[in-house]
PDB file of N, CA and C in Angstrom:
ATOM      1  N   MET A   1      12.208   0.257  10.537  1.00  0.00           N
ATOM      2  CA  MET A   1      12.511   1.303   9.590  1.00  0.00           C
ATOM      3  C   MET A   1      12.285   0.793   8.162  1.00  0.00           C
ATOM      4  N   LYS A   2      11.638   1.600   7.338  1.00  0.00           N
ATOM      5  CA  LYS A   2      11.388   1.233   5.955  1.00  0.00           C
ATOM      6  C   LYS A   2      12.669   1.358   5.146  1.00  0.00           C
ATOM      7  N   ASP A   3      12.753   0.549   4.085  1.00  0.00           N
ATOM      8  CA  ASP A   3      13.895   0.719   3.189  1.00  0.00           C
ATOM      9  C   ASP A   3      13.633   1.881   2.241  1.00  0.00           C
ATOM     10  N   ALA A   4      14.654   2.290   1.511  1.00  0.00           N
ATOM     11  CA  ALA A   4      14.567   3.484   0.665  1.00  0.00           C
ATOM     12  C   ALA A   4      13.487   3.355  -0.403  1.00  0.00           C
ATOM     13  N   ILE A   5      13.355   2.171  -0.999  1.00  0.00           N
ATOM     14  CA  ILE A   5      12.352   1.975  -2.047  1.00  0.00           C
ATOM     15  C   ILE A   5      10.948   2.092  -1.464  1.00  0.00           C
ATOM     16  N   SER A   6      10.723   1.505  -0.311  1.00  0.00           N
ATOM     17  CA  SER A   6       9.411   1.612   0.340  1.00  0.00           C
ATOM     18  C   SER A   6       9.079   3.053   0.682  1.00  0.00           C
ATOM     19  N   GLU A   7      10.083   3.796   1.125  1.00  0.00           N
ATOM     20  CA  GLU A   7       9.881   5.216   1.448  1.00  0.00           C
ATOM     21  C   GLU A   7       9.422   5.997   0.218  1.00  0.00           C
ATOM     22  N   VAL A   8      10.042   5.730  -0.924  1.00  0.00           N
ATOM     23  CA  VAL A   8       9.674   6.435  -2.159  1.00  0.00           C
ATOM     24  C   VAL A   8       8.248   6.088  -2.559  1.00  0.00           C
ATOM     25  N   PHE A   9       7.927   4.786  -2.589  1.00  0.00           N
ATOM     26  CA  PHE A   9       6.571   4.380  -2.971  1.00  0.00           C
ATOM     27  C   PHE A   9       5.535   4.924  -2.000  1.00  0.00           C
ATOM     28  N   SER A  10       5.848   4.911  -0.723  1.00  0.00           N
ATOM     29  CA  SER A  10       4.936   5.433   0.288  1.00  0.00           C
ATOM     30  C   SER A  10       4.713   6.930   0.090  1.00  0.00           C
ATOM     31  N   ALA A  11       5.788   7.659  -0.168  1.00  0.00           N
ATOM     32  CA  ALA A  11       5.668   9.109  -0.369  1.00  0.00           C
ATOM     33  C   ALA A  11       4.840   9.416  -1.605  1.00  0.00           C
ATOM     34  N   LEU A  12       5.056   8.675  -2.685  1.00  0.00           N
ATOM     35  CA  LEU A  12       4.350   8.948  -3.932  1.00  0.00           C
ATOM     36  C   LEU A  12       2.949   8.350  -3.982  1.00  0.00           C
ATOM     37  N   ALA A  13       2.590   7.561  -2.982  1.00  0.00           N
ATOM     38  CA  ALA A  13       1.253   6.972  -2.951  1.00  0.00           C
ATOM     39  C   ALA A  13       0.174   8.032  -2.707  1.00  0.00           C
ATOM     40  N   ASP A  14       0.549   9.125  -2.083  1.00  0.00           N
ATOM     41  CA  ASP A  14      -0.400  10.206  -1.796  1.00  0.00           C
ATOM     42  C   ASP A  14      -0.445  11.153  -2.993  1.00  0.00           C
ATOM     43  N   ASP A  15      -1.650  11.395  -3.519  1.00  0.00           N
ATOM     44  CA  ASP A  15      -1.761  12.222  -4.731  1.00  0.00           C
ATOM     45  C   ASP A  15      -1.318  13.665  -4.507  1.00  0.00           C
ATOM     46  N   THR A  16      -1.498  14.203  -3.311  1.00  0.00           N
ATOM     47  CA  THR A  16      -1.032  15.564  -3.035  1.00  0.00           C
ATOM     48  C   THR A  16       0.489  15.629  -3.083  1.00  0.00           C
ATOM     49  N   ARG A  17       1.148  14.658  -2.447  1.00  0.00           N
ATOM     50  CA  ARG A  17       2.616  14.629  -2.467  1.00  0.00           C
ATOM     51  C   ARG A  17       3.134  14.399  -3.881  1.00  0.00           C
ATOM     52  N   ARG A  18       2.452  13.535  -4.628  1.00  0.00           N
ATOM     53  CA  ARG A  18       2.860  13.298  -6.009  1.00  0.00           C
ATOM     54  C   ARG A  18       2.780  14.592  -6.817  1.00  0.00           C
ATOM     55  N   GLY A  19       1.724  15.360  -6.596  1.00  0.00           N
ATOM     56  CA  GLY A  19       1.564  16.644  -7.272  1.00  0.00           C
ATOM     57  C   GLY A  19       2.654  17.628  -6.878  1.00  0.00           C
ATOM     58  N   ILE A  20       2.986  17.667  -5.593  1.00  0.00           N
ATOM     59  CA  ILE A  20       4.059  18.549  -5.114  1.00  0.00           C
ATOM     60  C   ILE A  20       5.375  18.142  -5.766  1.00  0.00           C
ATOM     61  N   TYR A  21       5.655  16.847  -5.777  1.00  0.00           N
ATOM     62  CA  TYR A  21       6.900  16.362  -6.374  1.00  0.00           C
ATOM     63  C   TYR A  21       6.967  16.724  -7.859  1.00  0.00           C
ATOM     64  N   GLU A  22       5.874  16.541  -8.569  1.00  0.00           N
ATOM     65  CA  GLU A  22       5.838  16.895  -9.994  1.00  0.00           C
ATOM     66  C   GLU A  22       6.062  18.397 -10.180  1.00  0.00           C
ATOM     67  N   GLU A  23       5.491  19.189  -9.296  1.00  0.00           N
ATOM     68  CA  GLU A  23       5.693  20.648  -9.346  1.00  0.00           C
ATOM     69  C   GLU A  23       7.167  20.989  -9.128  1.00  0.00           C
ATOM     70  N   LEU A  24       7.795  20.330  -8.157  1.00  0.00           N
ATOM     71  CA  LEU A  24       9.213  20.580  -7.885  1.00  0.00           C
ATOM     72  C   LEU A  24      10.080  20.173  -9.072  1.00  0.00           C
ATOM     73  N   LEU A  25       9.696  19.120  -9.771  1.00  0.00           N
ATOM     74  CA  LEU A  25      10.467  18.661 -10.926  1.00  0.00           C
ATOM     75  C   LEU A  25      10.490  19.699 -12.046  1.00  0.00           C
ATOM     76  N   THR A  26       9.460  20.531 -12.104  1.00  0.00           N
ATOM     77  CA  THR A  26       9.366  21.497 -13.202  1.00  0.00           C
ATOM     78  C   THR A  26      10.085  22.812 -12.903  1.00  0.00           C
ATOM     79  N   ARG A  27      10.562  22.997 -11.685  1.00  0.00           N
ATOM     80  CA  ARG A  27      11.147  24.286 -11.278  1.00  0.00           C
ATOM     81  C   ARG A  27      12.622  24.170 -10.976  1.00  0.00           C
ATOM     82  N   VAL A  28      13.428  24.791 -11.769  1.00  0.00           N
ATOM     83  CA  VAL A  28      14.878  24.799 -11.555  1.00  0.00           C
ATOM     84  C   VAL A  28      15.229  25.596 -10.308  1.00  0.00           C
ATOM     85  N   SER A  29      14.482  26.656 -10.040  1.00  0.00           N
ATOM     86  CA  SER A  29      14.784  27.532  -8.903  1.00  0.00           C
ATOM     87  C   SER A  29      14.145  27.054  -7.598  1.00  0.00           C
ATOM     88  N   GLY A  30      13.479  25.918  -7.616  1.00  0.00           N
ATOM     89  CA  GLY A  30      12.832  25.408  -6.413  1.00  0.00           C
ATOM     90  C   GLY A  30      11.597  26.210  -6.052  1.00  0.00           C
ATOM     91  N   LEU A  31      10.913  25.770  -5.021  1.00  0.00           N
ATOM     92  CA  LEU A  31       9.693  26.434  -4.562  1.00  0.00           C
ATOM     93  C   LEU A  31       9.661  26.452  -3.043  1.00  0.00           C
ATOM     94  N   THR A  32       9.053  27.478  -2.489  1.00  0.00           N
ATOM     95  CA  THR A  32       8.835  27.531  -1.039  1.00  0.00           C
ATOM     96  C   THR A  32       7.506  26.855  -0.734  1.00  0.00           C
ATOM     97  N   ALA A  33       7.293  26.549   0.529  1.00  0.00           N
ATOM     98  CA  ALA A  33       6.011  25.969   0.947  1.00  0.00           C
ATOM     99  C   ALA A  33       4.871  26.938   0.650  1.00  0.00           C
ATOM    100  N   THR A  34       5.123  28.219   0.828  1.00  0.00           N
ATOM    101  CA  THR A  34       4.095  29.232   0.549  1.00  0.00           C
ATOM    102  C   THR A  34       3.732  29.226  -0.932  1.00  0.00           C
ATOM    103  N   GLU A  35       4.745  29.195  -1.807  1.00  0.00           N
ATOM    104  CA  GLU A  35       4.477  29.162  -3.243  1.00  0.00           C
ATOM    105  C   GLU A  35       3.701  27.909  -3.638  1.00  0.00           C
ATOM    106  N   LEU A  36       4.055  26.788  -3.050  1.00  0.00           N
ATOM    107  CA  LEU A  36       3.339  25.548  -3.346  1.00  0.00           C
ATOM    108  C   LEU A  36       1.900  25.598  -2.865  1.00  0.00           C
ATOM    109  N   SER A  37       1.661  26.239  -1.719  1.00  0.00           N
ATOM    110  CA  SER A  37       0.309  26.279  -1.158  1.00  0.00           C
ATOM    111  C   SER A  37      -0.618  27.191  -1.947  1.00  0.00           C
ATOM    112  N   GLU A  38      -0.058  28.125  -2.717  1.00  0.00           N
ATOM    113  CA  GLU A  38      -0.888  29.050  -3.493  1.00  0.00           C
ATOM    114  C   GLU A  38      -1.705  28.337  -4.564  1.00  0.00           C
ATOM    115  N   SER A  39      -1.188  27.251  -5.094  1.00  0.00           N
ATOM    116  CA  SER A  39      -1.914  26.526  -6.141  1.00  0.00           C
ATOM    117  C   SER A  39      -2.493  25.206  -5.634  1.00  0.00           C
ATOM    118  N   ALA A  40      -2.397  24.956  -4.345  1.00  0.00           N
ATOM    119  CA  ALA A  40      -2.871  23.693  -3.779  1.00  0.00           C
ATOM    120  C   ALA A  40      -4.211  23.879  -3.076  1.00  0.00           C
ATOM    121  N   SER A  41      -4.867  22.770  -2.872  1.00  0.00           N
ATOM    122  CA  SER A  41      -6.153  22.801  -2.172  1.00  0.00           C
ATOM    123  C   SER A  41      -5.991  22.501  -0.683  1.00  0.00           C
ATOM    124  N   VAL A  42      -4.749  22.548  -0.199  1.00  0.00           N
ATOM    125  CA  VAL A  42      -4.486  22.307   1.223  1.00  0.00           C
ATOM    126  C   VAL A  42      -3.708  23.500   1.788  1.00  0.00           C
ATOM    127  N   SER A  43      -3.636  23.562   3.091  1.00  0.00           N
ATOM    128  CA  SER A  43      -2.982  24.694   3.760  1.00  0.00           C
ATOM    129  C   SER A  43      -1.461  24.629   3.622  1.00  0.00           C
ATOM    130  N   ARG A  44      -0.829  25.733   3.923  1.00  0.00           N
ATOM    131  CA  ARG A  44       0.629  25.796   3.913  1.00  0.00           C
ATOM    132  C   ARG A  44       1.211  24.793   4.905  1.00  0.00           C
ATOM    133  N   GLN A  45       0.575  24.665   6.070  1.00  0.00           N
ATOM    134  CA  GLN A  45       1.054  23.723   7.089  1.00  0.00           C
ATOM    135  C   GLN A  45       1.008  22.288   6.561  1.00  0.00           C
ATOM    136  N   ALA A  46      -0.044  21.961   5.820  1.00  0.00           N
ATOM    137  CA  ALA A  46      -0.149  20.617   5.230  1.00  0.00           C
ATOM    138  C   ALA A  46       0.943  20.421   4.184  1.00  0.00           C
ATOM    139  N   ILE A  47       1.223  21.463   3.403  1.00  0.00           N
ATOM    140  CA  ILE A  47       2.290  21.399   2.403  1.00  0.00           C
ATOM    141  C   ILE A  47       3.629  21.125   3.083  1.00  0.00           C
ATOM    142  N   VAL A  48       3.891  21.805   4.191  1.00  0.00           N
ATOM    143  CA  VAL A  48       5.142  21.606   4.927  1.00  0.00           C
ATOM    144  C   VAL A  48       5.264  20.148   5.371  1.00  0.00           C
ATOM    145  N   LYS A  49       4.187  19.566   5.872  1.00  0.00           N
ATOM    146  CA  LYS A  49       4.225  18.163   6.299  1.00  0.00           C
ATOM    147  C   LYS A  49       4.487  17.234   5.116  1.00  0.00           C
ATOM    148  N   HIS A  50       3.856  17.509   3.986  1.00  0.00           N
ATOM    149  CA  HIS A  50       4.096  16.707   2.785  1.00  0.00           C
ATOM    150  C   HIS A  50       5.543  16.843   2.321  1.00  0.00           C
ATOM    151  N   LEU A  51       6.090  18.052   2.398  1.00  0.00           N
ATOM    152  CA  LEU A  51       7.481  18.267   2.019  1.00  0.00           C
ATOM    153  C   LEU A  51       8.439  17.495   2.930  1.00  0.00           C
ATOM    154  N   GLN A  52       8.099  17.395   4.214  1.00  0.00           N
ATOM    155  CA  GLN A  52       8.931  16.634   5.146  1.00  0.00           C
ATOM    156  C   GLN A  52       8.959  15.151   4.769  1.00  0.00           C
ATOM    157  N   VAL A  53       7.815  14.630   4.340  1.00  0.00           N
ATOM    158  CA  VAL A  53       7.753  13.227   3.897  1.00  0.00           C
ATOM    159  C   VAL A  53       8.602  13.055   2.634  1.00  0.00           C
ATOM    160  N   LEU A  54       8.479  13.988   1.698  1.00  0.00           N
ATOM    161  CA  LEU A  54       9.275  13.910   0.474  1.00  0.00           C
ATOM    162  C   LEU A  54      10.767  14.008   0.781  1.00  0.00           C
ATOM    163  N   GLU A  55      11.111  14.836   1.747  1.00  0.00           N
ATOM    164  CA  GLU A  55      12.518  14.966   2.148  1.00  0.00           C
ATOM    165  C   GLU A  55      13.028  13.664   2.764  1.00  0.00           C
ATOM    166  N   ARG A  56      12.263  13.079   3.689  1.00  0.00           N
ATOM    167  CA  ARG A  56      12.676  11.822   4.335  1.00  0.00           C
ATOM    168  C   ARG A  56      12.849  10.692   3.322  1.00  0.00           C
ATOM    169  N   SER A  57      12.047  10.711   2.278  1.00  0.00           N
ATOM    170  CA  SER A  57      12.111   9.638   1.279  1.00  0.00           C
ATOM    171  C   SER A  57      13.219   9.874   0.260  1.00  0.00           C
ATOM    172  N   GLY A  58      13.872  11.030   0.330  1.00  0.00           N
ATOM    173  CA  GLY A  58      14.952  11.332  -0.598  1.00  0.00           C
ATOM    174  C   GLY A  58      14.488  11.950  -1.907  1.00  0.00           C
ATOM    175  N   LEU A  59      13.221  12.365  -1.984  1.00  0.00           N
ATOM    176  CA  LEU A  59      12.679  12.933  -3.211  1.00  0.00           C
ATOM    177  C   LEU A  59      12.807  14.448  -3.277  1.00  0.00           C
ATOM    178  N   ALA A  60      12.954  15.093  -2.131  1.00  0.00           N
ATOM    179  CA  ALA A  60      13.053  16.557  -2.097  1.00  0.00           C
ATOM    180  C   ALA A  60      14.192  16.967  -1.172  1.00  0.00           C
ATOM    181  N   GLU A  61      14.737  18.130  -1.468  1.00  0.00           N
ATOM    182  CA  GLU A  61      15.844  18.655  -0.672  1.00  0.00           C
ATOM    183  C   GLU A  61      15.580  20.122  -0.354  1.00  0.00           C
ATOM    184  N   PRO A  62      15.580  20.480   0.936  1.00  0.00           N
ATOM    185  CA  PRO A  62      15.410  21.890   1.295  1.00  0.00           C
ATOM    186  C   PRO A  62      16.746  22.626   1.252  1.00  0.00           C
ATOM    187  N   ARG A  63      16.702  23.875   0.810  1.00  0.00           N
ATOM    188  CA  ARG A  63      17.907  24.723   0.822  1.00  0.00           C
ATOM    189  C   ARG A  63      17.496  26.103   1.313  1.00  0.00           C
ATOM    190  N   ARG A  64      18.253  26.595   2.273  1.00  0.00           N
ATOM    191  CA  ARG A  64      17.979  27.927   2.804  1.00  0.00           C
ATOM    192  C   ARG A  64      18.454  28.959   1.802  1.00  0.00           C
ATOM    193  N   ASP A  65      17.575  29.939   1.544  1.00  0.00           N
ATOM    194  CA  ASP A  65      17.878  31.046   0.642  1.00  0.00           C
ATOM    195  C   ASP A  65      17.479  32.321   1.377  1.00  0.00           C
ATOM    196  N   GLY A  66      18.412  32.864   2.151  1.00  0.00           N
ATOM    197  CA  GLY A  66      18.086  34.008   3.002  1.00  0.00           C
ATOM    198  C   GLY A  66      17.116  33.569   4.088  1.00  0.00           C
ATOM    199  N   ARG A  67      15.959  34.203   4.132  1.00  0.00           N
ATOM    200  CA  ARG A  67      14.953  33.853   5.139  1.00  0.00           C
ATOM    201  C   ARG A  67      14.018  32.742   4.673  1.00  0.00           C
ATOM    202  N   GLU A  68      14.116  32.405   3.413  1.00  0.00           N
ATOM    203  CA  GLU A  68      13.224  31.381   2.859  1.00  0.00           C
ATOM    204  C   GLU A  68      13.908  30.021   2.813  1.00  0.00           C
ATOM    205  N   VAL A  69      13.069  28.997   2.817  1.00  0.00           N
ATOM    206  CA  VAL A  69      13.553  27.646   2.554  1.00  0.00           C
ATOM    207  C   VAL A  69      12.911  27.222   1.240  1.00  0.00           C
ATOM    208  N   ARG A  70      13.762  26.935   0.263  1.00  0.00           N
ATOM    209  CA  ARG A  70      13.281  26.508  -1.049  1.00  0.00           C
ATOM    210  C   ARG A  70      13.478  25.000  -1.153  1.00  0.00           C
ATOM    211  N   TYR A  71      12.517  24.349  -1.759  1.00  0.00           N
ATOM    212  CA  TYR A  71      12.572  22.896  -1.919  1.00  0.00           C
ATOM    213  C   TYR A  71      12.823  22.555  -3.377  1.00  0.00           C
ATOM    214  N   PHE A  72      13.686  21.569  -3.569  1.00  0.00           N
ATOM    215  CA  PHE A  72      14.081  21.125  -4.898  1.00  0.00           C
ATOM    216  C   PHE A  72      13.848  19.618  -4.998  1.00  0.00           C
ATOM    217  N   ALA A  73      13.452  19.177  -6.176  1.00  0.00           N
ATOM    218  CA  ALA A  73      13.358  17.739  -6.414  1.00  0.00           C
ATOM    219  C   ALA A  73      14.773  17.193  -6.485  1.00  0.00           C
ATOM    220  N   ARG A  74      14.991  16.047  -5.887  1.00  0.00           N
ATOM    221  CA  ARG A  74      16.306  15.400  -5.977  1.00  0.00           C
ATOM    222  C   ARG A  74      16.352  14.609  -7.269  1.00  0.00           C
ATOM    223  N   ALA A  75      17.366  14.875  -8.055  1.00  0.00           N
ATOM    224  CA  ALA A  75      17.472  14.305  -9.396  1.00  0.00           C
ATOM    225  C   ALA A  75      17.445  12.775  -9.396  1.00  0.00           C
ATOM    226  N   HIS A  76      18.043  12.157  -8.421  1.00  0.00           N
ATOM    227  CA  HIS A  76      18.138  10.698  -8.413  1.00  0.00           C
ATOM    228  C   HIS A  76      17.268  10.064  -7.332  1.00  0.00           C
ATOM    229  N   GLY A  77      16.285  10.799  -6.845  1.00  0.00           N
ATOM    230  CA  GLY A  77      15.445  10.310  -5.758  1.00  0.00           C
ATOM    231  C   GLY A  77      14.645   9.063  -6.084  1.00  0.00           C
ATOM    232  N   THR A  78      14.311   8.875  -7.347  1.00  0.00           N
ATOM    233  CA  THR A  78      13.488   7.722  -7.725  1.00  0.00           C
ATOM    234  C   THR A  78      14.301   6.596  -8.349  1.00  0.00           C
ATOM    235  N   ASP A  79      15.622   6.714  -8.381  1.00  0.00           N
ATOM    236  CA  ASP A  79      16.450   5.707  -9.054  1.00  0.00           C
ATOM    237  C   ASP A  79      16.230   4.291  -8.523  1.00  0.00           C
ATOM    238  N   GLY A  80      16.274   4.118  -7.225  1.00  0.00           N
ATOM    239  CA  GLY A  80      16.107   2.776  -6.651  1.00  0.00           C
ATOM    240  C   GLY A  80      14.745   2.191  -6.968  1.00  0.00           C
ATOM    241  N   ALA A  81      13.702   3.000  -6.829  1.00  0.00           N
ATOM    242  CA  ALA A  81      12.347   2.525  -7.129  1.00  0.00           C
ATOM    243  C   ALA A  81      12.204   2.213  -8.615  1.00  0.00           C
ATOM    244  N   SER A  82      12.799   3.034  -9.460  1.00  0.00           N
ATOM    245  CA  SER A  82      12.746   2.796 -10.908  1.00  0.00           C
ATOM    246  C   SER A  82      13.433   1.485 -11.267  1.00  0.00           C
ATOM    247  N   ARG A  83      14.611   1.250 -10.689  1.00  0.00           N
ATOM    248  CA  ARG A  83      15.322  -0.010 -10.952  1.00  0.00           C
ATOM    249  C   ARG A  83      14.498  -1.200 -10.489  1.00  0.00           C
ATOM    250  N   TRP A  84      13.845  -1.075  -9.327  1.00  0.00           N
ATOM    251  CA  TRP A  84      13.021  -2.155  -8.807  1.00  0.00           C
ATOM    252  C   TRP A  84      11.875  -2.463  -9.778  1.00  0.00           C
ATOM    253  N   LEU A  85      11.216  -1.420 -10.272  1.00  0.00           N
ATOM    254  CA  LEU A  85      10.113  -1.617 -11.219  1.00  0.00           C
ATOM    255  C   LEU A  85      10.599  -2.251 -12.520  1.00  0.00           C
ATOM    256  N   ILE A  86      11.731  -1.787 -13.020  1.00  0.00           N
ATOM    257  CA  ILE A  86      12.280  -2.343 -14.263  1.00  0.00           C
ATOM    258  C   ILE A  86      12.630  -3.816 -14.077  1.00  0.00           C
ATOM    259  N   ASP A  87      13.300  -4.140 -12.981  1.00  0.00           N
ATOM    260  CA  ASP A  87      13.678  -5.532 -12.711  1.00  0.00           C
ATOM    261  C   ASP A  87      12.455  -6.435 -12.592  1.00  0.00           C
ATOM    262  N   HIS A  88      11.450  -5.975 -11.866  1.00  0.00           N
ATOM    263  CA  HIS A  88      10.250  -6.802 -11.693  1.00  0.00           C
ATOM    264  C   HIS A  88       9.435  -6.875 -12.981  1.00  0.00           C
ATOM    265  N   GLY A  89       9.425  -5.814 -13.758  1.00  0.00           N
ATOM    266  CA  GLY A  89       8.753  -5.848 -15.055  1.00  0.00           C
ATOM    267  C   GLY A  89       9.411  -6.855 -15.982  1.00  0.00           C
ATOM    268  N   ALA A  90      10.742  -6.881 -15.977  1.00  0.00           N
ATOM    269  CA  ALA A  90      11.477  -7.840 -16.810  1.00  0.00           C
ATOM    270  C   ALA A  90      11.194  -9.271 -16.364  1.00  0.00           C
ATOM    271  N   ALA A  91      11.124  -9.501 -15.054  1.00  0.00           N
ATOM    272  CA  ALA A  91      10.818 -10.841 -14.550  1.00  0.00           C
ATOM    273  C   ALA A  91       9.434 -11.287 -15.005  1.00  0.00           C
ATOM    274  N   TRP A  92       8.452 -10.388 -14.960  1.00  0.00           N
ATOM    275  CA  TRP A  92       7.109 -10.724 -15.426  1.00  0.00           C
ATOM    276  C   TRP A  92       7.094 -10.972 -16.932  1.00  0.00           C
ATOM    277  N   ASP A  93       7.862 -10.202 -17.682  1.00  0.00           N
ATOM    278  CA  ASP A  93       7.950 -10.427 -19.126  1.00  0.00           C
ATOM    279  C   ASP A  93       8.485 -11.822 -19.420  1.00  0.00           C
ATOM    280  N   ARG A  94       9.502 -12.252 -18.664  1.00  0.00           N
ATOM    281  CA  ARG A  94      10.049 -13.608 -18.849  1.00  0.00           C
ATOM    282  C   ARG A  94       9.005 -14.665 -18.523  1.00  0.00           C
ATOM    283  N   ARG A  95       8.268 -14.458 -17.444  1.00  0.00           N
ATOM    284  CA  ARG A  95       7.231 -15.426 -17.057  1.00  0.00           C
ATOM    285  C   ARG A  95       6.135 -15.520 -18.122  1.00  0.00           C
ATOM    286  N   ILE A  96       5.698 -14.382 -18.604  1.00  0.00           N
ATOM    287  CA  ILE A  96       4.650 -14.361 -19.632  1.00  0.00           C
ATOM    288  C   ILE A  96       5.163 -15.006 -20.913  1.00  0.00           C
ATOM    289  N   GLY A  97       6.417 -14.732 -21.259  1.00  0.00           N
ATOM    290  CA  GLY A  97       7.024 -15.352 -22.440  1.00  0.00           C
ATOM    291  C   GLY A  97       7.066 -16.860 -22.312  1.00  0.00           C
ATOM    292  N   ALA A  98       7.406 -17.353 -21.119  1.00  0.00           N
ATOM    293  CA  ALA A  98       7.447 -18.799 -20.896  1.00  0.00           C
ATOM    294  C   ALA A  98       6.051 -19.397 -21.012  1.00  0.00           C
ATOM    295  N   LEU A  99       5.046 -18.711 -20.478  1.00  0.00           N
ATOM    296  CA  LEU A  99       3.664 -19.208 -20.591  1.00  0.00           C
ATOM    297  C   LEU A  99       3.199 -19.225 -22.042  1.00  0.00           C
ATOM    298  N   GLU A 100       3.538 -18.190 -22.786  1.00  0.00           N
ATOM    299  CA  GLU A 100       3.156 -18.139 -24.204  1.00  0.00           C
ATOM    300  C   GLU A 100       3.830 -19.263 -24.976  1.00  0.00           C
ATOM    301  N   LYS A 101       5.083 -19.527 -24.655  1.00  0.00           N
ATOM    302  CA  LYS A 101       5.818 -20.602 -25.321  1.00  0.00           C
ATOM    303  C   LYS A 101       5.164 -21.950 -25.022  1.00  0.00           C
ATOM    304  N   LYS A 102       4.786 -22.166 -23.770  1.00  0.00           N
ATOM    305  CA  LYS A 102       4.122 -23.424 -23.388  1.00  0.00           C
ATOM    306  C   LYS A 102       2.765 -23.566 -24.063  1.00  0.00           C
ATOM    307  N   SER A 103       2.047 -22.464 -24.200  1.00  0.00           N
ATOM    308  CA  SER A 103       0.712 -22.548 -24.793  1.00  0.00           C
ATOM    309  C   SER A 103       0.789 -22.876 -26.285  1.00  0.00           C
ATOM    310  N   ARG A 104       1.939 -22.617 -26.923  1.00  0.00           N
ATOM    311  CA  ARG A 104       2.120 -22.963 -28.334  1.00  0.00           C
ATOM    312  C   ARG A 104       2.671 -24.378 -28.505  1.00  0.00           C
ATOM    313  N   SER A 105       3.008 -25.021 -27.408  1.00  0.00           N
ATOM    314  CA  SER A 105       3.578 -26.366 -27.457  1.00  0.00           C
ATOM    315  C   SER A 105       2.535 -27.354 -27.976  1.00  0.00           C
ATOM    316  N   PRO A 106       2.935 -28.252 -28.910  1.00  0.00           N
ATOM    317  CA  PRO A 106       1.976 -29.216 -29.465  1.00  0.00           C
ATOM    318  C   PRO A 106       1.399 -30.174 -28.413  1.00  0.00           C
ATOM    319  N   ARG A 107       2.140 -30.412 -27.334  1.00  0.00           N
ATOM    320  CA  ARG A 107       1.649 -31.322 -26.292  1.00  0.00           C
ATOM    321  C   ARG A 107       0.425 -30.760 -25.585  1.00  0.00           C
ATOM    322  N   LEU A 108       0.240 -29.469 -25.598  1.00  0.00           N
ATOM    323  CA  LEU A 108      -0.889 -28.853 -24.899  1.00  0.00           C
ATOM    324  C   LEU A 108      -2.131 -28.748 -25.770  1.00  0.00           C
ATOM    325  N   ARG A 109      -2.031 -29.123 -27.020  1.00  0.00           N
ATOM    326  CA  ARG A 109      -3.182 -29.000 -27.918  1.00  0.00           C
ATOM    327  C   ARG A 109      -3.943 -30.257 -28.032  1.00  0.00           C
TER     328      ARG A 109
END
């Protein structure tokens, strides 16, 4: 089983899913699979499969609204992945800073 961060990165690695997620982020009232398929270059069935991946990764949440199922972006779905990127970015910044400091050292000239 993948961990939560891997699930998020895996889900967002696909450009269609990334587009769906971005679309969901812009809609307070959520979107149905049919509404999403109207502006997509893939079928409604493909949209449903992409939504299932987004749901499993914690990026989207389905809610029944009468006969429709509306999908919403989860507000904190990317938190773990964001923290991972920030932490690793900071580690690389420290490494680069150490290399820059060494390159200015008089012993290396």
